[in-house]
Full PDB file with SEQRES, HELIX, SHEET, SSBOND, CRYST1, ORIGX, SCALE, CONECT and MASTER records, all heavy atoms in Angstrom:
SEQRES   1 A   32  THR PRO THR SER VAL ALA VAL HIS ASP SER THR VAL TYR          
SEQRES   2 A   32  VAL PRO SER ALA ALA TYR LEU THR ASN ALA ASP PRO ASN          
SEQRES   3 A   32  LEU LEU LEU ALA ARG LEU                                      
SHEET    1 AA1 3 ALA A   6  HIS A   8  0                                        
SHEET    2 AA1 3 THR A  11  SER A  16 -1                                        
SHEET    3 AA1 3 ASN A  26  ARG A  31 -1                                        
CRYST1    1.000    1.000    1.000  90.00  90.00  90.00 P 1           1          
ORIGX1      1.000000  0.000000  0.000000        0.00000                         
ORIGX2      0.000000  1.000000  0.000000        0.00000                         
ORIGX3      0.000000  0.000000  1.000000        0.00000                         
SCALE1      1.000000  0.000000  0.000000        0.00000                         
SCALE2      0.000000  1.000000  0.000000        0.00000                         
SCALE3      0.000000  0.000000  1.000000        0.00000                         
ATOM      1  N   THR A   1       0.823  -1.210   0.028  1.00  0.00           N  
ATOM      2  CA  THR A   1      -0.021   0.009  -0.009  1.00  0.00           C  
ATOM      3  C   THR A   1       0.858   1.259  -0.024  1.00  0.00           C  
ATOM      4  O   THR A   1       0.923   2.009   0.980  1.00  0.00           O  
ATOM      5  CB  THR A   1      -0.949   0.013   1.178  1.00  0.00           C  
ATOM      6  OG1 THR A   1      -1.434  -1.281   1.479  1.00  0.00           O  
ATOM      7  CG2 THR A   1      -2.127   0.898   0.916  1.00  0.00           C  
ATOM      8  N   PRO A   2       1.575   1.514  -1.093  1.00  0.00           N  
ATOM      9  CA  PRO A   2       2.436   2.710  -1.104  1.00  0.00           C  
ATOM     10  C   PRO A   2       1.572   3.983  -1.002  1.00  0.00           C  
ATOM     11  O   PRO A   2       0.512   4.123  -1.575  1.00  0.00           O  
ATOM     12  CB  PRO A   2       3.078   2.674  -2.562  1.00  0.00           C  
ATOM     13  CG  PRO A   2       2.236   1.783  -3.327  1.00  0.00           C  
ATOM     14  CD  PRO A   2       1.596   0.793  -2.364  1.00  0.00           C  
ATOM     15  N   THR A   3       2.118   4.934  -0.211  1.00  0.00           N  
ATOM     16  CA  THR A   3       1.351   6.155   0.093  1.00  0.00           C  
ATOM     17  C   THR A   3       1.832   7.355  -0.632  1.00  0.00           C  
ATOM     18  O   THR A   3       1.043   8.306  -0.745  1.00  0.00           O  
ATOM     19  CB  THR A   3       1.382   6.437   1.643  1.00  0.00           C  
ATOM     20  OG1 THR A   3       2.780   6.569   1.973  1.00  0.00           O  
ATOM     21  CG2 THR A   3       0.803   5.357   2.416  1.00  0.00           C  
ATOM     22  N   SER A   4       3.021   7.332  -1.133  1.00  0.00           N  
ATOM     23  CA  SER A   4       3.550   8.439  -1.842  1.00  0.00           C  
ATOM     24  C   SER A   4       4.773   8.014  -2.642  1.00  0.00           C  
ATOM     25  O   SER A   4       5.262   6.904  -2.496  1.00  0.00           O  
ATOM     26  CB  SER A   4       3.905   9.599  -0.913  1.00  0.00           C  
ATOM     27  OG  SER A   4       4.871   9.154   0.011  1.00  0.00           O  
ATOM     28  N   VAL A   5       5.287   8.895  -3.488  1.00  0.00           N  
ATOM     29  CA  VAL A   5       6.484   8.671  -4.291  1.00  0.00           C  
ATOM     30  C   VAL A   5       7.231   9.978  -4.455  1.00  0.00           C  
ATOM     31  O   VAL A   5       6.612  11.015  -4.603  1.00  0.00           O  
ATOM     32  CB  VAL A   5       6.176   8.029  -5.655  1.00  0.00           C  
ATOM     33  CG1 VAL A   5       5.242   8.896  -6.486  1.00  0.00           C  
ATOM     34  CG2 VAL A   5       7.376   7.618  -6.377  1.00  0.00           C  
ATOM     35  N   ALA A   6       8.523   9.940  -4.306  1.00  0.00           N  
ATOM     36  CA  ALA A   6       9.376  11.133  -4.502  1.00  0.00           C  
ATOM     37  C   ALA A   6      10.615  10.751  -5.347  1.00  0.00           C  
ATOM     38  O   ALA A   6      11.105   9.614  -5.220  1.00  0.00           O  
ATOM     39  CB  ALA A   6       9.798  11.690  -3.137  1.00  0.00           C  
ATOM     40  N   VAL A   7      11.082  11.682  -6.071  1.00  0.00           N  
ATOM     41  CA  VAL A   7      12.282  11.475  -6.853  1.00  0.00           C  
ATOM     42  C   VAL A   7      13.278  12.545  -6.528  1.00  0.00           C  
ATOM     43  O   VAL A   7      12.985  13.733  -6.463  1.00  0.00           O  
ATOM     44  CB  VAL A   7      11.955  11.580  -8.415  1.00  0.00           C  
ATOM     45  CG1 VAL A   7      13.132  11.408  -9.234  1.00  0.00           C  
ATOM     46  CG2 VAL A   7      10.891  10.549  -8.800  1.00  0.00           C  
ATOM     47  N   HIS A   8      14.538  12.132  -6.242  1.00  0.00           N  
ATOM     48  CA  HIS A   8      15.651  13.075  -6.022  1.00  0.00           C  
ATOM     49  C   HIS A   8      16.832  12.533  -6.792  1.00  0.00           C  
ATOM     50  O   HIS A   8      17.309  11.354  -6.558  1.00  0.00           O  
ATOM     51  CB  HIS A   8      15.983  13.157  -4.580  1.00  0.00           C  
ATOM     52  CG  HIS A   8      17.112  14.031  -4.296  1.00  0.00           C  
ATOM     53  ND1 HIS A   8      17.043  15.430  -4.408  1.00  0.00           N  
ATOM     54  CD2 HIS A   8      18.380  13.791  -3.899  1.00  0.00           C  
ATOM     55  CE1 HIS A   8      18.232  15.945  -4.123  1.00  0.00           C  
ATOM     56  NE2 HIS A   8      19.031  14.988  -3.784  1.00  0.00           N  
ATOM     57  N   ASP A   9      17.326  13.301  -7.787  1.00  0.00           N  
ATOM     58  CA  ASP A   9      18.377  12.828  -8.660  1.00  0.00           C  
ATOM     59  C   ASP A   9      17.939  11.552  -9.339  1.00  0.00           C  
ATOM     60  O   ASP A   9      16.946  11.484 -10.015  1.00  0.00           O  
ATOM     61  CB  ASP A   9      19.672  12.655  -7.954  1.00  0.00           C  
ATOM     62  CG  ASP A   9      20.231  14.070  -7.495  1.00  0.00           C  
ATOM     63  OD1 ASP A   9      19.998  15.047  -8.179  1.00  0.00           O  
ATOM     64  OD2 ASP A   9      20.898  14.095  -6.467  1.00  0.00           O  
ATOM     65  N   SER A  10      18.682  10.431  -9.082  1.00  0.00           N  
ATOM     66  CA  SER A  10      18.321   9.137  -9.671  1.00  0.00           C  
ATOM     67  C   SER A  10      17.694   8.193  -8.686  1.00  0.00           C  
ATOM     68  O   SER A  10      17.558   6.974  -8.968  1.00  0.00           O  
ATOM     69  CB  SER A  10      19.601   8.505 -10.299  1.00  0.00           C  
ATOM     70  OG  SER A  10      20.053   9.261 -11.394  1.00  0.00           O  
ATOM     71  N   THR A  11      17.293   8.649  -7.515  1.00  0.00           N  
ATOM     72  CA  THR A  11      16.688   7.779  -6.538  1.00  0.00           C  
ATOM     73  C   THR A  11      15.285   8.011  -6.386  1.00  0.00           C  
ATOM     74  O   THR A  11      14.802   9.187  -6.376  1.00  0.00           O  
ATOM     75  CB  THR A  11      17.372   8.022  -5.182  1.00  0.00           C  
ATOM     76  OG1 THR A  11      18.778   7.809  -5.327  1.00  0.00           O  
ATOM     77  CG2 THR A  11      16.887   7.031  -4.117  1.00  0.00           C  
ATOM     78  N   VAL A  12      14.449   6.970  -6.332  1.00  0.00           N  
ATOM     79  CA  VAL A  12      13.010   7.020  -6.138  1.00  0.00           C  
ATOM     80  C   VAL A  12      12.714   6.487  -4.733  1.00  0.00           C  
ATOM     81  O   VAL A  12      13.224   5.432  -4.307  1.00  0.00           O  
ATOM     82  CB  VAL A  12      12.249   6.106  -7.186  1.00  0.00           C  
ATOM     83  CG1 VAL A  12      10.811   6.110  -6.958  1.00  0.00           C  
ATOM     84  CG2 VAL A  12      12.592   6.581  -8.560  1.00  0.00           C  
ATOM     85  N   TYR A  13      11.924   7.233  -4.000  1.00  0.00           N  
ATOM     86  CA  TYR A  13      11.564   6.908  -2.627  1.00  0.00           C  
ATOM     87  C   TYR A  13      10.083   6.607  -2.565  1.00  0.00           C  
ATOM     88  O   TYR A  13       9.279   7.441  -3.027  1.00  0.00           O  
ATOM     89  CB  TYR A  13      11.817   8.061  -1.651  1.00  0.00           C  
ATOM     90  CG  TYR A  13      13.297   8.509  -1.623  1.00  0.00           C  
ATOM     91  CD1 TYR A  13      13.802   9.421  -2.596  1.00  0.00           C  
ATOM     92  CD2 TYR A  13      14.163   7.962  -0.709  1.00  0.00           C  
ATOM     93  CE1 TYR A  13      15.122   9.827  -2.591  1.00  0.00           C  
ATOM     94  CE2 TYR A  13      15.506   8.363  -0.702  1.00  0.00           C  
ATOM     95  CZ  TYR A  13      15.968   9.286  -1.671  1.00  0.00           C  
ATOM     96  OH  TYR A  13      17.304   9.657  -1.645  1.00  0.00           O  
ATOM     97  N   VAL A  14       9.706   5.372  -2.104  1.00  0.00           N  
ATOM     98  CA  VAL A  14       8.330   4.995  -1.967  1.00  0.00           C  
ATOM     99  C   VAL A  14       8.012   4.494  -0.641  1.00  0.00           C  
ATOM    100  O   VAL A  14       8.370   3.296  -0.328  1.00  0.00           O  
ATOM    101  CB  VAL A  14       7.951   3.950  -3.089  1.00  0.00           C  
ATOM    102  CG1 VAL A  14       6.484   3.699  -3.118  1.00  0.00           C  
ATOM    103  CG2 VAL A  14       8.408   4.373  -4.421  1.00  0.00           C  
ATOM    104  N   PRO A  15       7.358   5.232   0.230  1.00  0.00           N  
ATOM    105  CA  PRO A  15       6.965   4.749   1.511  1.00  0.00           C  
ATOM    106  C   PRO A  15       5.713   3.831   1.385  1.00  0.00           C  
ATOM    107  O   PRO A  15       4.775   4.150   0.604  1.00  0.00           O  
ATOM    108  CB  PRO A  15       6.562   5.946   2.353  1.00  0.00           C  
ATOM    109  CG  PRO A  15       7.023   7.148   1.558  1.00  0.00           C  
ATOM    110  CD  PRO A  15       7.082   6.690   0.151  1.00  0.00           C  
ATOM    111  N   SER A  16       5.729   2.667   2.086  1.00  0.00           N  
ATOM    112  CA  SER A  16       4.619   1.798   2.092  1.00  0.00           C  
ATOM    113  C   SER A  16       4.009   1.761   3.474  1.00  0.00           C  
ATOM    114  O   SER A  16       4.731   1.492   4.475  1.00  0.00           O  
ATOM    115  CB  SER A  16       5.030   0.386   1.700  1.00  0.00           C  
ATOM    116  OG  SER A  16       5.346   0.243   0.332  1.00  0.00           O  
ATOM    117  N   ALA A  17       2.725   2.018   3.640  1.00  0.00           N  
ATOM    118  CA  ALA A  17       2.081   2.074   4.923  1.00  0.00           C  
ATOM    119  C   ALA A  17       1.645   0.687   5.466  1.00  0.00           C  
ATOM    120  O   ALA A  17       1.412   0.543   6.615  1.00  0.00           O  
ATOM    121  CB  ALA A  17       0.895   2.983   4.855  1.00  0.00           C  
ATOM    122  N   ALA A  18       1.494  -0.270   4.541  1.00  0.00           N  
ATOM    123  CA  ALA A  18       1.066  -1.640   4.933  1.00  0.00           C  
ATOM    124  C   ALA A  18      -0.341  -1.553   5.620  1.00  0.00           C  
ATOM    125  O   ALA A  18      -0.599  -2.248   6.623  1.00  0.00           O  
ATOM    126  CB  ALA A  18       2.056  -2.315   5.864  1.00  0.00           C  
ATOM    127  N   TYR A  19      -1.205  -0.674   5.112  1.00  0.00           N  
ATOM    128  CA  TYR A  19      -2.574  -0.484   5.669  1.00  0.00           C  
ATOM    129  C   TYR A  19      -3.355  -1.913   5.756  1.00  0.00           C  
ATOM    130  O   TYR A  19      -4.036  -2.105   6.666  1.00  0.00           O  
ATOM    131  CB  TYR A  19      -3.383   0.397   4.799  1.00  0.00           C  
ATOM    132  CG  TYR A  19      -3.001   1.844   4.960  1.00  0.00           C  
ATOM    133  CD1 TYR A  19      -2.812   2.672   3.804  1.00  0.00           C  
ATOM    134  CD2 TYR A  19      -2.834   2.485   6.190  1.00  0.00           C  
ATOM    135  CE1 TYR A  19      -2.462   3.982   3.925  1.00  0.00           C  
ATOM    136  CE2 TYR A  19      -2.506   3.769   6.327  1.00  0.00           C  
ATOM    137  CZ  TYR A  19      -2.339   4.518   5.136  1.00  0.00           C  
ATOM    138  OH  TYR A  19      -1.941   5.848   5.270  1.00  0.00           O  
ATOM    139  N   LEU A  20      -3.248  -2.661   4.691  1.00  0.00           N  
ATOM    140  CA  LEU A  20      -4.032  -3.905   4.639  1.00  0.00           C  
ATOM    141  C   LEU A  20      -3.430  -5.039   5.435  1.00  0.00           C  
ATOM    142  O   LEU A  20      -4.196  -5.862   5.905  1.00  0.00           O  
ATOM    143  CB  LEU A  20      -4.286  -4.299   3.154  1.00  0.00           C  
ATOM    144  CG  LEU A  20      -4.935  -3.182   2.303  1.00  0.00           C  
ATOM    145  CD1 LEU A  20      -5.042  -3.725   0.863  1.00  0.00           C  
ATOM    146  CD2 LEU A  20      -6.299  -2.837   2.843  1.00  0.00           C  
ATOM    147  N   THR A  21      -2.128  -5.066   5.534  1.00  0.00           N  
ATOM    148  CA  THR A  21      -1.489  -6.209   6.262  1.00  0.00           C  
ATOM    149  C   THR A  21      -1.105  -5.851   7.681  1.00  0.00           C  
ATOM    150  O   THR A  21      -0.914  -6.773   8.467  1.00  0.00           O  
ATOM    151  CB  THR A  21      -0.202  -6.682   5.467  1.00  0.00           C  
ATOM    152  OG1 THR A  21       0.723  -5.576   5.486  1.00  0.00           O  
ATOM    153  CG2 THR A  21      -0.563  -7.132   4.098  1.00  0.00           C  
ATOM    154  N   ASN A  22      -0.974  -4.609   7.939  1.00  0.00           N  
ATOM    155  CA  ASN A  22      -0.494  -4.106   9.263  1.00  0.00           C  
ATOM    156  C   ASN A  22       0.833  -4.761   9.659  1.00  0.00           C  
ATOM    157  O   ASN A  22       1.081  -4.963  10.848  1.00  0.00           O  
ATOM    158  CB  ASN A  22      -1.530  -4.370  10.373  1.00  0.00           C  
ATOM    159  CG  ASN A  22      -2.732  -3.443  10.194  1.00  0.00           C  
ATOM    160  OD1 ASN A  22      -2.590  -2.299   9.886  1.00  0.00           O  
ATOM    161  ND2 ASN A  22      -3.938  -4.001  10.394  1.00  0.00           N  
ATOM    162  N   ALA A  23       1.674  -5.141   8.682  1.00  0.00           N  
ATOM    163  CA  ALA A  23       2.996  -5.708   8.926  1.00  0.00           C  
ATOM    164  C   ALA A  23       4.005  -5.132   7.962  1.00  0.00           C  
ATOM    165  O   ALA A  23       3.682  -4.985   6.773  1.00  0.00           O  
ATOM    166  CB  ALA A  23       2.934  -7.254   8.712  1.00  0.00           C  
ATOM    167  N   ASP A  24       5.147  -4.826   8.474  1.00  0.00           N  
ATOM    168  CA  ASP A  24       6.314  -4.360   7.675  1.00  0.00           C  
ATOM    169  C   ASP A  24       6.029  -3.093   6.846  1.00  0.00           C  
ATOM    170  O   ASP A  24       6.260  -3.093   5.665  1.00  0.00           O  
ATOM    171  CB  ASP A  24       6.787  -5.530   6.799  1.00  0.00           C  
ATOM    172  CG  ASP A  24       8.114  -5.175   6.134  1.00  0.00           C  
ATOM    173  OD1 ASP A  24       8.933  -4.401   6.780  1.00  0.00           O  
ATOM    174  OD2 ASP A  24       8.381  -5.633   5.041  1.00  0.00           O  
ATOM    175  N   PRO A  25       5.578  -2.002   7.470  1.00  0.00           N  
ATOM    176  CA  PRO A  25       5.604  -0.781   6.668  1.00  0.00           C  
ATOM    177  C   PRO A  25       7.061  -0.429   6.404  1.00  0.00           C  
ATOM    178  O   PRO A  25       7.947  -0.766   7.263  1.00  0.00           O  
ATOM    179  CB  PRO A  25       4.976   0.229   7.665  1.00  0.00           C  
ATOM    180  CG  PRO A  25       4.968  -0.346   8.992  1.00  0.00           C  
ATOM    181  CD  PRO A  25       5.103  -1.833   8.846  1.00  0.00           C  
ATOM    182  N   ASN A  26       7.372   0.155   5.272  1.00  0.00           N  
ATOM    183  CA  ASN A  26       8.726   0.329   4.885  1.00  0.00           C  
ATOM    184  C   ASN A  26       8.932   1.520   4.009  1.00  0.00           C  
ATOM    185  O   ASN A  26       7.984   2.141   3.528  1.00  0.00           O  
ATOM    186  CB  ASN A  26       9.272  -0.996   4.219  1.00  0.00           C  
ATOM    187  CG  ASN A  26       8.486  -1.352   2.964  1.00  0.00           C  
ATOM    188  OD1 ASN A  26       8.446  -0.606   2.007  1.00  0.00           O  
ATOM    189  ND2 ASN A  26       7.798  -2.505   3.034  1.00  0.00           N  
ATOM    190  N   LEU A  27      10.151   1.764   3.655  1.00  0.00           N  
ATOM    191  CA  LEU A  27      10.525   2.770   2.686  1.00  0.00           C  
ATOM    192  C   LEU A  27      11.410   2.061   1.613  1.00  0.00           C  
ATOM    193  O   LEU A  27      12.518   1.574   1.922  1.00  0.00           O  
ATOM    194  CB  LEU A  27      11.364   3.920   3.288  1.00  0.00           C  
ATOM    195  CG  LEU A  27      11.919   4.945   2.345  1.00  0.00           C  
ATOM    196  CD1 LEU A  27      10.796   5.735   1.666  1.00  0.00           C  
ATOM    197  CD2 LEU A  27      12.844   5.900   3.084  1.00  0.00           C  
ATOM    198  N   LEU A  28      10.896   2.022   0.470  1.00  0.00           N  
ATOM    199  CA  LEU A  28      11.533   1.366  -0.661  1.00  0.00           C  
ATOM    200  C   LEU A  28      12.326   2.416  -1.407  1.00  0.00           C  
ATOM    201  O   LEU A  28      11.857   3.481  -1.770  1.00  0.00           O  
ATOM    202  CB  LEU A  28      10.541   0.668  -1.567  1.00  0.00           C  
ATOM    203  CG  LEU A  28      11.130  -0.020  -2.784  1.00  0.00           C  
ATOM    204  CD1 LEU A  28      11.281  -1.486  -2.421  1.00  0.00           C  
ATOM    205  CD2 LEU A  28      10.253   0.066  -3.948  1.00  0.00           C  
ATOM    206  N   LEU A  29      13.585   2.114  -1.712  1.00  0.00           N  
ATOM    207  CA  LEU A  29      14.439   2.992  -2.580  1.00  0.00           C  
ATOM    208  C   LEU A  29      14.719   2.237  -3.843  1.00  0.00           C  
ATOM    209  O   LEU A  29      15.081   1.012  -3.846  1.00  0.00           O  
ATOM    210  CB  LEU A  29      15.793   3.296  -1.869  1.00  0.00           C  
ATOM    211  CG  LEU A  29      15.746   4.459  -0.916  1.00  0.00           C  
ATOM    212  CD1 LEU A  29      14.863   4.256   0.266  1.00  0.00           C  
ATOM    213  CD2 LEU A  29      17.136   4.839  -0.480  1.00  0.00           C  
ATOM    214  N   ALA A  30      14.627   2.937  -4.971  1.00  0.00           N  
ATOM    215  CA  ALA A  30      14.864   2.351  -6.261  1.00  0.00           C  
ATOM    216  C   ALA A  30      15.681   3.347  -7.137  1.00  0.00           C  
ATOM    217  O   ALA A  30      15.644   4.562  -6.881  1.00  0.00           O  
ATOM    218  CB  ALA A  30      13.612   1.970  -6.992  1.00  0.00           C  
ATOM    219  N   ARG A  31      16.396   2.853  -8.109  1.00  0.00           N  
ATOM    220  CA  ARG A  31      17.204   3.667  -8.957  1.00  0.00           C  
ATOM    221  C   ARG A  31      16.404   3.995 -10.242  1.00  0.00           C  
ATOM    222  O   ARG A  31      15.820   3.083 -10.827  1.00  0.00           O  
ATOM    223  CB  ARG A  31      18.461   2.965  -9.338  1.00  0.00           C  
ATOM    224  CG  ARG A  31      19.419   3.829 -10.122  1.00  0.00           C  
ATOM    225  CD  ARG A  31      20.730   3.107 -10.357  1.00  0.00           C  
ATOM    226  NE  ARG A  31      21.742   4.030 -10.908  1.00  0.00           N  
ATOM    227  CZ  ARG A  31      21.809   4.329 -12.209  1.00  0.00           C  
ATOM    228  NH1 ARG A  31      20.949   3.855 -13.022  1.00  0.00           N  
ATOM    229  NH2 ARG A  31      22.747   5.138 -12.617  1.00  0.00           N  
ATOM    230  N   LEU A  32      16.400   5.274 -10.646  1.00  0.00           N  
ATOM    231  CA  LEU A  32      15.720   5.713 -11.770  1.00  0.00           C  
ATOM    232  C   LEU A  32      16.774   5.732 -12.961  1.00  0.00           C  
ATOM    233  O   LEU A  32      17.773   6.447 -12.866  1.00  0.00           O  
ATOM    234  CB  LEU A  32      15.150   7.088 -11.571  1.00  0.00           C  
ATOM    235  CG  LEU A  32      14.367   7.717 -12.711  1.00  0.00           C  
ATOM    236  CD1 LEU A  32      13.151   6.881 -13.081  1.00  0.00           C  
ATOM    237  CD2 LEU A  32      13.999   9.168 -12.400  1.00  0.00           C  
TER     238      LEU A  32                                                      
MASTER        0    0    0    0    3    0    0    6  237    1    0    3          
END                                                                             
């Protein structure tokens, strides 16, 4: 359940709230 997305230089930041599972909310980083 990602809640937002942000881009800085070549990095993408995607916070996940885990609304449906209530387990392991996280911040995913990916390369653009």
